[in-house]
Amino acid sequence: MFTRSRFDTPCRIEIDNSERACHAHVELAGDYQVQPGDKVRVHGDPIHVPFGGQAVIERIATVERAHWFERAWTRLAGHFEMTELYEVSFTPGRIA
């Protein structure tokens, strides 16, 4: 009930480090959807892409699925952390 299941799966890493974009995306093989509380660890050496470069790399990733309590806790905690984004001020001028 409180144990995590884990499995290895191939993954594809797409990296873009250019003027127009700076991102890295990991796409897992198969039809697996990562859910709240799940952990994904990509194996291998660190990847370095120089500025202006792009890379697509195939690696193995270990996916560790959260149990139901962890998943529920992550969703609940996520709602409270998101409220920090709402704490903005639209007051004109500086606040002393």
N, C-alpha and C. Protein backbone atom coordinates (compact mmCIF):
# COMPACT_ATOMS: atom_id res chain seq x y z
N MET A 1 0.82 -1.20 0.00
CA MET A 1 0.00 0.00 0.00
C MET A 1 0.87 1.27 0.00
N PHE A 2 1.97 1.27 0.76
CA PHE A 2 2.84 2.44 0.82
C PHE A 2 4.18 2.18 0.14
N THR A 3 4.23 1.23 -0.76
CA THR A 3 5.48 0.95 -1.46
C THR A 3 5.42 1.55 -2.86
N ARG A 4 6.58 1.95 -3.33
CA ARG A 4 6.68 2.52 -4.67
C ARG A 4 7.07 1.42 -5.65
N SER A 5 6.48 1.46 -6.83
CA SER A 5 6.93 0.55 -7.88
C SER A 5 7.92 1.32 -8.75
N ARG A 6 8.85 0.61 -9.33
CA ARG A 6 9.86 1.26 -10.17
C ARG A 6 10.16 0.39 -11.37
N PHE A 7 10.50 1.06 -12.47
CA PHE A 7 10.85 0.34 -13.69
C PHE A 7 11.77 1.21 -14.53
N ASP A 8 12.55 0.56 -15.40
CA ASP A 8 13.44 1.26 -16.33
C ASP A 8 12.78 1.30 -17.70
N THR A 9 12.99 2.40 -18.41
CA THR A 9 12.44 2.57 -19.74
C THR A 9 13.37 3.43 -20.57
N PRO A 10 13.42 3.21 -21.87
CA PRO A 10 14.21 4.12 -22.72
C PRO A 10 13.57 5.51 -22.74
N CYS A 11 14.38 6.52 -22.94
CA CYS A 11 13.86 7.89 -23.05
C CYS A 11 14.65 8.66 -24.09
N ARG A 12 14.06 9.73 -24.55
CA ARG A 12 14.68 10.60 -25.55
C ARG A 12 14.79 11.99 -24.93
N ILE A 13 15.99 12.57 -24.98
CA ILE A 13 16.24 13.89 -24.42
C ILE A 13 16.50 14.85 -25.58
N GLU A 14 15.71 15.92 -25.64
CA GLU A 14 15.90 16.93 -26.67
C GLU A 14 16.33 18.22 -25.98
N ILE A 15 17.48 18.75 -26.39
CA ILE A 15 18.04 19.96 -25.78
C ILE A 15 18.26 21.01 -26.85
N ASP A 16 17.86 22.24 -26.55
CA ASP A 16 18.09 23.38 -27.44
C ASP A 16 18.67 24.51 -26.60
N ASN A 17 19.85 24.98 -26.97
CA ASN A 17 20.53 26.06 -26.26
C ASN A 17 20.92 27.12 -27.29
N SER A 18 19.92 27.88 -27.72
CA SER A 18 20.17 28.86 -28.78
C SER A 18 19.56 30.21 -28.41
N GLU A 19 19.67 31.17 -29.32
CA GLU A 19 19.10 32.49 -29.09
C GLU A 19 17.58 32.44 -28.98
N ARG A 20 16.96 31.57 -29.73
CA ARG A 20 15.50 31.53 -29.75
C ARG A 20 14.89 30.64 -28.69
N ALA A 21 15.67 29.72 -28.12
CA ALA A 21 15.12 28.81 -27.12
C ALA A 21 16.21 28.27 -26.22
N CYS A 22 15.83 28.00 -24.99
CA CYS A 22 16.71 27.33 -24.03
C CYS A 22 15.85 26.35 -23.25
N HIS A 23 15.85 25.09 -23.67
CA HIS A 23 15.02 24.10 -23.00
C HIS A 23 15.61 22.70 -23.13
N ALA A 24 15.13 21.84 -22.26
CA ALA A 24 15.45 20.41 -22.31
C ALA A 24 14.17 19.65 -22.01
N HIS A 25 13.83 18.70 -22.85
CA HIS A 25 12.63 17.90 -22.68
C HIS A 25 13.02 16.43 -22.64
N VAL A 26 12.38 15.68 -21.75
CA VAL A 26 12.58 14.24 -21.67
C VAL A 26 11.26 13.57 -22.04
N GLU A 27 11.32 12.68 -23.00
CA GLU A 27 10.14 11.96 -23.44
C GLU A 27 10.35 10.47 -23.17
N LEU A 28 9.49 9.89 -22.35
CA LEU A 28 9.61 8.47 -22.01
C LEU A 28 9.03 7.61 -23.13
N ALA A 29 9.66 6.46 -23.37
CA ALA A 29 9.16 5.53 -24.37
C ALA A 29 7.88 4.87 -23.86
N GLY A 30 7.04 4.46 -24.75
CA GLY A 30 5.80 3.80 -24.36
C GLY A 30 4.72 4.83 -24.09
N ASP A 31 3.69 4.38 -23.42
CA ASP A 31 2.51 5.23 -23.18
C ASP A 31 2.42 5.64 -21.71
N TYR A 32 3.56 5.83 -21.06
CA TYR A 32 3.55 6.17 -19.64
C TYR A 32 3.38 7.67 -19.43
N GLN A 33 2.47 8.07 -18.54
CA GLN A 33 2.26 9.46 -18.18
C GLN A 33 2.80 9.68 -16.77
N VAL A 34 3.69 10.66 -16.61
CA VAL A 34 4.21 10.99 -15.29
C VAL A 34 3.12 11.72 -14.53
N GLN A 35 2.89 11.30 -13.28
CA GLN A 35 1.82 11.86 -12.45
C GLN A 35 2.42 12.54 -11.22
N PRO A 36 1.63 13.32 -10.49
CA PRO A 36 2.15 14.00 -9.30
C PRO A 36 2.77 13.01 -8.32
N GLY A 37 3.98 13.35 -7.84
CA GLY A 37 4.68 12.51 -6.88
C GLY A 37 5.63 11.50 -7.50
N ASP A 38 5.49 11.23 -8.79
CA ASP A 38 6.39 10.29 -9.47
C ASP A 38 7.78 10.91 -9.58
N LYS A 39 8.80 10.06 -9.61
CA LYS A 39 10.17 10.52 -9.77
C LYS A 39 10.76 9.86 -11.02
N VAL A 40 11.49 10.67 -11.79
CA VAL A 40 12.15 10.16 -13.00
C VAL A 40 13.62 10.51 -12.91
N ARG A 41 14.48 9.52 -13.04
CA ARG A 41 15.93 9.73 -13.02
C ARG A 41 16.51 9.22 -14.34
N VAL A 42 17.15 10.14 -15.08
CA VAL A 42 17.79 9.79 -16.34
C VAL A 42 19.23 9.40 -16.05
N HIS A 43 19.66 8.24 -16.54
CA HIS A 43 21.00 7.73 -16.27
C HIS A 43 22.00 8.22 -17.32
N GLY A 44 23.25 8.31 -16.93
CA GLY A 44 24.31 8.68 -17.86
C GLY A 44 25.07 9.90 -17.38
N ASP A 45 26.10 10.24 -18.14
CA ASP A 45 26.93 11.40 -17.83
C ASP A 45 26.15 12.69 -18.08
N PRO A 46 26.56 13.78 -17.43
CA PRO A 46 25.93 15.08 -17.70
C PRO A 46 26.07 15.45 -19.18
N ILE A 47 25.08 16.15 -19.68
CA ILE A 47 25.06 16.55 -21.08
C ILE A 47 25.40 18.03 -21.17
N HIS A 48 26.36 18.38 -21.99
CA HIS A 48 26.75 19.78 -22.20
C HIS A 48 26.52 20.13 -23.66
N VAL A 49 25.65 21.12 -23.89
CA VAL A 49 25.39 21.60 -25.24
C VAL A 49 25.84 23.05 -25.30
N PRO A 50 26.82 23.37 -26.15
CA PRO A 50 27.30 24.75 -26.23
C PRO A 50 26.22 25.69 -26.76
N PHE A 51 26.39 26.98 -26.48
CA PHE A 51 25.42 27.97 -26.95
C PHE A 51 25.30 27.90 -28.46
N GLY A 52 24.07 27.92 -28.92
CA GLY A 52 23.81 27.82 -30.35
C GLY A 52 23.62 26.39 -30.82
N GLY A 53 23.76 25.44 -29.91
CA GLY A 53 23.68 24.03 -30.29
C GLY A 53 22.37 23.37 -29.91
N GLN A 54 22.15 22.23 -30.50
CA GLN A 54 21.00 21.37 -30.21
C GLN A 54 21.50 19.94 -30.11
N ALA A 55 20.78 19.14 -29.35
CA ALA A 55 21.16 17.74 -29.21
C ALA A 55 19.91 16.89 -28.97
N VAL A 56 19.93 15.69 -29.52
CA VAL A 56 18.91 14.68 -29.25
C VAL A 56 19.65 13.43 -28.83
N ILE A 57 19.37 12.95 -27.62
CA ILE A 57 20.13 11.84 -27.04
C ILE A 57 19.17 10.78 -26.53
N GLU A 58 19.52 9.53 -26.74
CA GLU A 58 18.74 8.40 -26.22
C GLU A 58 19.42 7.89 -24.95
N ARG A 59 18.66 7.71 -23.89
CA ARG A 59 19.19 7.20 -22.62
C ARG A 59 18.17 6.26 -21.99
N ILE A 60 18.52 5.75 -20.82
CA ILE A 60 17.62 4.93 -20.01
C ILE A 60 17.22 5.76 -18.80
N ALA A 61 15.94 5.70 -18.44
CA ALA A 61 15.44 6.41 -17.27
C ALA A 61 14.78 5.41 -16.32
N THR A 62 14.90 5.68 -15.02
CA THR A 62 14.20 4.90 -14.02
C THR A 62 13.02 5.73 -13.54
N VAL A 63 11.82 5.16 -13.62
CA VAL A 63 10.60 5.83 -13.19
C VAL A 63 10.16 5.17 -11.88
N GLU A 64 9.96 5.98 -10.87
CA GLU A 64 9.51 5.50 -9.56
C GLU A 64 8.12 6.08 -9.31
N ARG A 65 7.10 5.24 -9.34
CA ARG A 65 5.72 5.70 -9.20
C ARG A 65 5.36 5.93 -7.74
N ALA A 66 4.69 7.03 -7.48
CA ALA A 66 4.25 7.36 -6.13
C ALA A 66 3.05 6.48 -5.75
N HIS A 67 2.94 6.17 -4.47
CA HIS A 67 1.74 5.45 -4.02
C HIS A 67 0.62 6.46 -3.82
N TRP A 68 -0.59 6.00 -3.55
CA TRP A 68 -1.76 6.87 -3.54
C TRP A 68 -1.66 8.00 -2.54
N PHE A 69 -1.07 7.76 -1.35
CA PHE A 69 -0.98 8.81 -0.34
C PHE A 69 -0.01 9.91 -0.79
N GLU A 70 1.13 9.51 -1.33
CA GLU A 70 2.10 10.49 -1.83
C GLU A 70 1.51 11.33 -2.96
N ARG A 71 0.77 10.69 -3.84
CA ARG A 71 0.15 11.39 -4.96
C ARG A 71 -0.85 12.43 -4.45
N ALA A 72 -1.69 12.03 -3.48
CA ALA A 72 -2.68 12.95 -2.91
C ALA A 72 -1.98 14.10 -2.18
N TRP A 73 -0.92 13.79 -1.41
CA TRP A 73 -0.20 14.82 -0.67
C TRP A 73 0.47 15.83 -1.62
N THR A 74 1.04 15.34 -2.70
CA THR A 74 1.70 16.21 -3.68
C THR A 74 0.68 17.15 -4.32
N ARG A 75 -0.49 16.64 -4.66
CA ARG A 75 -1.54 17.50 -5.24
C ARG A 75 -1.98 18.56 -4.24
N LEU A 76 -2.20 18.17 -2.99
CA LEU A 76 -2.63 19.12 -1.97
C LEU A 76 -1.57 20.18 -1.73
N ALA A 77 -0.32 19.77 -1.56
CA ALA A 77 0.78 20.72 -1.32
C ALA A 77 0.96 21.64 -2.53
N GLY A 78 0.74 21.14 -3.72
CA GLY A 78 0.88 21.94 -4.93
C GLY A 78 -0.11 23.09 -4.96
N HIS A 79 -1.32 22.88 -4.45
CA HIS A 79 -2.31 23.95 -4.42
C HIS A 79 -1.87 25.07 -3.49
N PHE A 80 -1.29 24.71 -2.34
CA PHE A 80 -0.83 25.74 -1.40
C PHE A 80 0.38 26.49 -1.93
N GLU A 81 1.29 25.80 -2.59
CA GLU A 81 2.46 26.46 -3.15
C GLU A 81 2.09 27.37 -4.30
N MET A 82 1.05 27.03 -5.02
CA MET A 82 0.63 27.85 -6.14
C MET A 82 0.08 29.19 -5.66
N THR A 83 -0.48 29.24 -4.47
CA THR A 83 -1.03 30.50 -3.97
C THR A 83 0.06 31.55 -3.79
N GLU A 84 1.32 31.14 -3.66
CA GLU A 84 2.41 32.10 -3.56
C GLU A 84 2.51 32.95 -4.83
N LEU A 85 2.09 32.40 -5.94
CA LEU A 85 2.11 33.15 -7.20
C LEU A 85 1.08 34.27 -7.20
N TYR A 86 0.04 34.14 -6.39
CA TYR A 86 -1.02 35.14 -6.35
C TYR A 86 -0.64 36.36 -5.52
N GLU A 87 0.40 36.27 -4.72
CA GLU A 87 0.78 37.35 -3.82
C GLU A 87 1.56 38.42 -4.58
N VAL A 88 0.83 39.22 -5.33
CA VAL A 88 1.43 40.33 -6.08
C VAL A 88 0.71 41.60 -5.68
N SER A 89 1.35 42.71 -5.92
CA SER A 89 0.75 43.99 -5.59
C SER A 89 0.66 44.85 -6.83
N PHE A 90 -0.48 45.49 -6.99
CA PHE A 90 -0.68 46.40 -8.11
C PHE A 90 -0.74 47.84 -7.61
N THR A 91 -0.08 48.11 -6.49
CA THR A 91 -0.06 49.44 -5.90
C THR A 91 0.87 50.34 -6.71
N PRO A 92 0.40 51.52 -7.11
CA PRO A 92 1.29 52.40 -7.85
C PRO A 92 2.36 52.98 -6.91
N GLY A 93 3.54 53.16 -7.43
CA GLY A 93 4.61 53.75 -6.62
C GLY A 93 5.30 52.72 -5.76
N ARG A 94 6.19 53.21 -4.91
CA ARG A 94 6.96 52.34 -4.04
C ARG A 94 6.30 52.20 -2.70
N ILE A 95 6.50 51.07 -2.08
CA ILE A 95 6.00 50.84 -0.73
C ILE A 95 7.14 51.09 0.22
N ALA A 96 6.91 51.94 1.22
CA ALA A 96 7.97 52.30 2.16
C ALA A 96 8.07 51.33 3.30
